[in-house]
């Protein structure tokens, strides 16, 4: 699987635009992946993802609100995209 970051999320990944988890042969949930990303990128990423900022998370182009939320399964070959929510207001 590959995780792709967009917009302001990249500010919290040290400038990295993508991430490939080390373990590719087992299924994860989005929640477990976010925990791994938090461990990898540190407190800034964790605060951004779990704080007041809202992000849109897509798995293979589908929003996780349609596929089980944070418990949505992801497997090898999936593409996970994390985008900051844009407020046009």
Protein backbone atom coordinates (compact mmCIF):
# COMPACT_ATOMS: atom_id res chain seq x y z
CA UNK A 1 0.00 0.00 0.00
CA UNK A 2 1.00 3.57 -0.51
CA UNK A 3 -0.06 6.61 1.49
CA UNK A 4 -0.11 9.93 -0.36
CA UNK A 5 -0.25 13.28 1.45
CA UNK A 6 -1.62 16.55 0.08
CA UNK A 7 -1.61 20.21 1.02
CA UNK A 8 -1.03 21.18 4.64
CA UNK A 9 -0.62 17.54 5.66
CA UNK A 10 2.82 17.62 4.02
CA UNK A 11 3.91 20.30 6.51
CA UNK A 12 3.60 17.62 9.22
CA UNK A 13 5.49 14.87 7.37
CA UNK A 14 8.78 16.71 7.10
CA UNK A 15 8.02 17.49 3.47
CA UNK A 16 7.41 13.89 2.43
CA UNK A 17 4.57 13.49 -0.06
CA UNK A 18 4.17 9.74 0.29
CA UNK A 19 4.84 6.84 2.63
CA UNK A 20 5.06 3.11 2.10
CA UNK A 21 4.41 1.09 5.28
CA UNK A 22 7.09 -1.44 6.13
CA UNK A 23 4.59 -4.25 6.62
CA UNK A 24 2.82 -4.91 3.34
CA UNK A 25 1.63 -8.48 3.79
CA UNK A 26 -1.03 -7.99 6.45
CA UNK A 27 -4.29 -6.11 6.52
CA UNK A 28 -4.52 -2.97 8.61
CA UNK A 29 -7.34 -0.65 9.52
CA UNK A 30 -7.14 3.07 8.81
CA UNK A 31 -6.85 3.59 12.58
CA UNK A 32 -3.80 1.29 12.77
CA UNK A 33 -2.23 3.03 9.78
CA UNK A 34 -2.72 6.45 11.41
CA UNK A 35 -1.05 5.11 14.56
CA UNK A 36 1.91 3.92 12.45
CA UNK A 37 2.11 7.28 10.68
CA UNK A 38 2.02 9.08 14.04
CA UNK A 39 4.89 6.94 15.30
CA UNK A 40 6.86 7.57 12.11
CA UNK A 41 6.26 11.33 11.76
CA UNK A 42 5.93 12.27 15.42
CA UNK A 43 3.90 14.62 17.54
CA UNK A 44 3.30 17.29 14.89
CA UNK A 45 1.60 14.77 12.60
CA UNK A 46 -0.38 13.19 15.45
CA UNK A 47 -1.62 16.56 16.69
CA UNK A 48 -2.60 17.61 13.17
CA UNK A 49 -4.48 14.39 12.35
CA UNK A 50 -6.18 13.98 15.73
CA UNK A 51 -6.57 17.65 16.61
CA UNK A 52 -8.97 20.33 15.49
CA UNK A 53 -7.89 20.06 11.86
CA UNK A 54 -10.21 17.93 9.75
CA UNK A 55 -8.76 15.67 7.09
CA UNK A 56 -10.37 13.69 4.34
CA UNK A 57 -9.06 10.14 4.10
CA UNK A 58 -9.63 8.14 0.93
CA UNK A 59 -8.93 4.46 0.33
CA UNK A 60 -8.76 3.68 -3.37
CA UNK A 61 -10.67 6.89 -4.08
CA UNK A 62 -13.50 6.24 -1.60
CA UNK A 63 -14.00 8.31 1.54
CA UNK A 64 -13.70 6.20 4.66
CA UNK A 65 -17.07 7.46 5.88
CA UNK A 66 -18.51 5.16 3.21
CA UNK A 67 -16.33 2.14 4.01
CA UNK A 68 -16.33 1.78 7.80
CA UNK A 69 -14.63 4.93 9.11
CA UNK A 70 -11.39 4.44 11.01
CA UNK A 71 -12.08 0.70 11.05
CA UNK A 72 -12.00 0.53 7.23
CA UNK A 73 -9.66 -2.27 6.17
CA UNK A 74 -6.67 -1.56 3.95
CA UNK A 75 -4.44 -4.16 2.32
CA UNK A 76 -1.37 -4.43 0.17
CA UNK A 77 -1.92 -2.65 -3.15
CA UNK A 78 -4.36 -0.07 -1.73
CA UNK A 79 -3.79 3.64 -2.15
CA UNK A 80 -4.58 5.78 0.88
CA UNK A 81 -4.80 9.54 0.39
CA UNK A 82 -4.85 12.06 3.24
CA UNK A 83 -6.02 15.56 2.33
CA UNK A 84 -6.70 18.57 4.51
CA UNK A 85 -10.34 19.59 4.54
CA UNK A 86 -10.75 22.86 2.67
CA UNK A 87 -13.17 25.42 4.05
CA UNK A 88 -14.27 27.76 1.31
CA UNK A 89 -16.31 29.82 3.78
